[in-house]
Amino acid sequence: MPQNPEPTVASLLDEIHQTLLARHYDRLSPLTLALEDALSRAKNLDSAALALIQTRAARNAATLTAVQRGIRAALRRVAEIRSVSTGLTTYDKSGLRQDTLSFGVAQRL
């Protein structure tokens, strides 16, 4: 009878989740490779094992989505801060953003 790898898969999914929560993204690659290996060895899993794996995988997917949203928000905020330092932003009558205007000392004289 083949060994049931479900505890390994579930354990790896839990470890990936904790790694995401701890923001240790550099540690995800080896965990992902280990998970792929464990899944490739998984055979004859019963419905309870599959349900457990599916639940944990869905949880990890939701966590990854939240991480992506957070990273995108941080990047937008950094871009906004950088754009403020480059000059004035204006909008035309239709509300479209116009080119950034920068007023240097030479332009004022």
C-alpha atoms as a PDB file:
ATOM      1  CA  MET A   1       0.000   0.000   0.000  1.00  0.00           C
ATOM      2  CA  PRO A   2       1.496   3.409  -0.976  1.00  0.00           C
ATOM      3  CA  GLN A   3       2.327   5.855   1.755  1.00  0.00           C
ATOM      4  CA  ASN A   4      -0.229   8.647   2.050  1.00  0.00           C
ATOM      5  CA  PRO A   5       1.631  11.927   1.345  1.00  0.00           C
ATOM      6  CA  GLU A   6      -1.326  14.083   2.399  1.00  0.00           C
ATOM      7  CA  PRO A   7       0.190  15.101   5.761  1.00  0.00           C
ATOM      8  CA  THR A   8       3.303  16.305   3.923  1.00  0.00           C
ATOM      9  CA  VAL A   9       1.229  18.264   1.397  1.00  0.00           C
ATOM     10  CA  ALA A  10      -0.960  19.777   4.113  1.00  0.00           C
ATOM     11  CA  SER A  11       2.106  20.601   6.207  1.00  0.00           C
ATOM     12  CA  LEU A  12       3.794  22.296   3.254  1.00  0.00           C
ATOM     13  CA  LEU A  13       0.646  24.300   2.503  1.00  0.00           C
ATOM     14  CA  ASP A  14       0.591  25.431   6.145  1.00  0.00           C
ATOM     15  CA  GLU A  15       4.270  26.362   5.996  1.00  0.00           C
ATOM     16  CA  ILE A  16       3.721  28.359   2.801  1.00  0.00           C
ATOM     17  CA  HIS A  17       0.843  30.179   4.486  1.00  0.00           C
ATOM     18  CA  GLN A  18       2.964  31.058   7.519  1.00  0.00           C
ATOM     19  CA  THR A  19       5.791  32.198   5.223  1.00  0.00           C
ATOM     20  CA  LEU A  20       3.399  34.530   3.398  1.00  0.00           C
ATOM     21  CA  LEU A  21       2.072  35.943   6.658  1.00  0.00           C
ATOM     22  CA  ALA A  22       5.616  36.529   7.897  1.00  0.00           C
ATOM     23  CA  ARG A  23       6.481  38.257   4.590  1.00  0.00           C
ATOM     24  CA  HIS A  24       9.458  35.966   3.939  1.00  0.00           C
ATOM     25  CA  TYR A  25       8.845  35.834   0.202  1.00  0.00           C
ATOM     26  CA  ASP A  26      12.408  34.721  -0.522  1.00  0.00           C
ATOM     27  CA  ARG A  27      11.640  31.414   1.215  1.00  0.00           C
ATOM     28  CA  LEU A  28       8.708  30.540  -1.053  1.00  0.00           C
ATOM     29  CA  SER A  29      10.655  29.046  -3.944  1.00  0.00           C
ATOM     30  CA  PRO A  30      12.051  25.992  -2.091  1.00  0.00           C
ATOM     31  CA  LEU A  31       8.692  25.437  -0.398  1.00  0.00           C
ATOM     32  CA  THR A  32       6.916  25.532  -3.744  1.00  0.00           C
ATOM     33  CA  LEU A  33       9.358  23.003  -5.205  1.00  0.00           C
ATOM     34  CA  ALA A  34       8.848  20.719  -2.198  1.00  0.00           C
ATOM     35  CA  LEU A  35       5.070  21.056  -2.568  1.00  0.00           C
ATOM     36  CA  GLU A  36       5.227  20.194  -6.271  1.00  0.00           C
ATOM     37  CA  ASP A  37       7.338  17.128  -5.445  1.00  0.00           C
ATOM     38  CA  ALA A  38       4.944  15.996  -2.696  1.00  0.00           C
ATOM     39  CA  LEU A  39       1.941  16.476  -4.992  1.00  0.00           C
ATOM     40  CA  SER A  40       3.604  14.501  -7.785  1.00  0.00           C
ATOM     41  CA  ARG A  41       4.025  11.583  -5.364  1.00  0.00           C
ATOM     42  CA  ALA A  42       0.427  11.831  -4.106  1.00  0.00           C
ATOM     43  CA  LYS A  43      -1.609   8.861  -5.266  1.00  0.00           C
ATOM     44  CA  ASN A  44      -4.854   7.281  -4.173  1.00  0.00           C
ATOM     45  CA  LEU A  45      -5.877  10.129  -1.897  1.00  0.00           C
ATOM     46  CA  ASP A  46      -9.292   9.778  -0.344  1.00  0.00           C
ATOM     47  CA  SER A  47     -11.927  12.509  -0.518  1.00  0.00           C
ATOM     48  CA  ALA A  48     -11.132  13.771   3.004  1.00  0.00           C
ATOM     49  CA  ALA A  49      -7.471  14.268   2.110  1.00  0.00           C
ATOM     50  CA  LEU A  50      -8.380  16.005  -1.134  1.00  0.00           C
ATOM     51  CA  ALA A  51     -10.837  18.273   0.682  1.00  0.00           C
ATOM     52  CA  LEU A  52      -8.155  19.216   3.224  1.00  0.00           C
ATOM     53  CA  ILE A  53      -5.665  20.011   0.485  1.00  0.00           C
ATOM     54  CA  GLN A  54      -8.256  22.015  -1.439  1.00  0.00           C
ATOM     55  CA  THR A  55      -9.225  24.034   1.658  1.00  0.00           C
ATOM     56  CA  ARG A  56      -5.632  24.883   2.480  1.00  0.00           C
ATOM     57  CA  ALA A  57      -4.794  25.680  -1.135  1.00  0.00           C
ATOM     58  CA  ALA A  58      -7.811  28.032  -1.346  1.00  0.00           C
ATOM     59  CA  ARG A  59      -6.682  29.741   1.867  1.00  0.00           C
ATOM     60  CA  ASN A  60      -3.195  30.203   0.411  1.00  0.00           C
ATOM     61  CA  ALA A  61      -4.645  31.567  -2.830  1.00  0.00           C
ATOM     62  CA  ALA A  62      -6.646  34.162  -0.888  1.00  0.00           C
ATOM     63  CA  THR A  63      -3.542  35.094   1.093  1.00  0.00           C
ATOM     64  CA  LEU A  64      -1.512  35.462  -2.103  1.00  0.00           C
ATOM     65  CA  THR A  65      -4.204  37.705  -3.578  1.00  0.00           C
ATOM     66  CA  ALA A  66      -4.062  39.911  -0.488  1.00  0.00           C
ATOM     67  CA  VAL A  67      -0.260  40.027  -0.697  1.00  0.00           C
ATOM     68  CA  GLN A  68      -0.463  41.085  -4.350  1.00  0.00           C
ATOM     69  CA  ARG A  69      -2.952  43.846  -3.529  1.00  0.00           C
ATOM     70  CA  GLY A  70      -0.714  45.093  -0.729  1.00  0.00           C
ATOM     71  CA  ILE A  71       2.369  45.157  -2.916  1.00  0.00           C
ATOM     72  CA  ARG A  72       0.500  46.981  -5.693  1.00  0.00           C
ATOM     73  CA  ALA A  73      -0.809  49.555  -3.205  1.00  0.00           C
ATOM     74  CA  ALA A  74       2.681  50.124  -1.854  1.00  0.00           C
ATOM     75  CA  LEU A  75       4.083  50.559  -5.359  1.00  0.00           C
ATOM     76  CA  ARG A  76       1.326  53.045  -6.230  1.00  0.00           C
ATOM     77  CA  ARG A  77       2.061  55.011  -3.071  1.00  0.00           C
ATOM     78  CA  VAL A  78       5.795  55.131  -3.828  1.00  0.00           C
ATOM     79  CA  ALA A  79       4.999  56.314  -7.368  1.00  0.00           C
ATOM     80  CA  GLU A  80       2.716  59.028  -5.961  1.00  0.00           C
ATOM     81  CA  ILE A  81       5.430  60.219  -3.597  1.00  0.00           C
ATOM     82  CA  ARG A  82       7.939  60.311  -6.448  1.00  0.00           C
ATOM     83  CA  SER A  83       5.539  62.221  -8.702  1.00  0.00           C
ATOM     84  CA  VAL A  84       4.996  64.866  -6.024  1.00  0.00           C
ATOM     85  CA  SER A  85       8.725  65.478  -5.866  1.00  0.00           C
ATOM     86  CA  THR A  86       8.962  65.982  -9.648  1.00  0.00           C
ATOM     87  CA  GLY A  87       6.568  68.873  -9.898  1.00  0.00           C
ATOM     88  CA  LEU A  88       2.997  70.023 -10.290  1.00  0.00           C
ATOM     89  CA  THR A  89       0.324  67.808 -11.823  1.00  0.00           C
ATOM     90  CA  THR A  90      -2.523  69.475 -13.693  1.00  0.00           C
ATOM     91  CA  TYR A  91      -5.681  68.223 -15.366  1.00  0.00           C
ATOM     92  CA  ASP A  92      -7.509  69.431 -18.456  1.00  0.00           C
ATOM     93  CA  LYS A  93     -11.219  70.284 -18.733  1.00  0.00           C
ATOM     94  CA  SER A  94     -12.176  66.665 -19.283  1.00  0.00           C
ATOM     95  CA  GLY A  95     -10.294  65.529 -16.173  1.00  0.00           C
ATOM     96  CA  LEU A  96      -7.397  63.929 -17.984  1.00  0.00           C
ATOM     97  CA  ARG A  97      -3.972  64.279 -16.448  1.00  0.00           C
ATOM     98  CA  GLN A  98      -1.632  66.624 -18.299  1.00  0.00           C
ATOM     99  CA  ASP A  99       2.134  66.453 -18.412  1.00  0.00           C
ATOM    100  CA  THR A 100       3.859  67.213 -15.152  1.00  0.00           C
ATOM    101  CA  LEU A 101       5.132  70.752 -14.940  1.00  0.00           C
ATOM    102  CA  SER A 102       8.363  71.406 -13.100  1.00  0.00           C
ATOM    103  CA  PHE A 103       9.358  74.882 -12.083  1.00  0.00           C
ATOM    104  CA  GLY A 104      13.107  75.182 -11.648  1.00  0.00           C
ATOM    105  CA  VAL A 105      15.007  78.245 -10.455  1.00  0.00           C
ATOM    106  CA  ALA A 106      16.131  79.046 -14.012  1.00  0.00           C
ATOM    107  CA  GLN A 107      12.516  79.135 -15.218  1.00  0.00           C
ATOM    108  CA  ARG A 108      11.496  81.616 -12.566  1.00  0.00           C
ATOM    109  CA  LEU A 109      14.214  84.123 -13.412  1.00  0.00           C
END
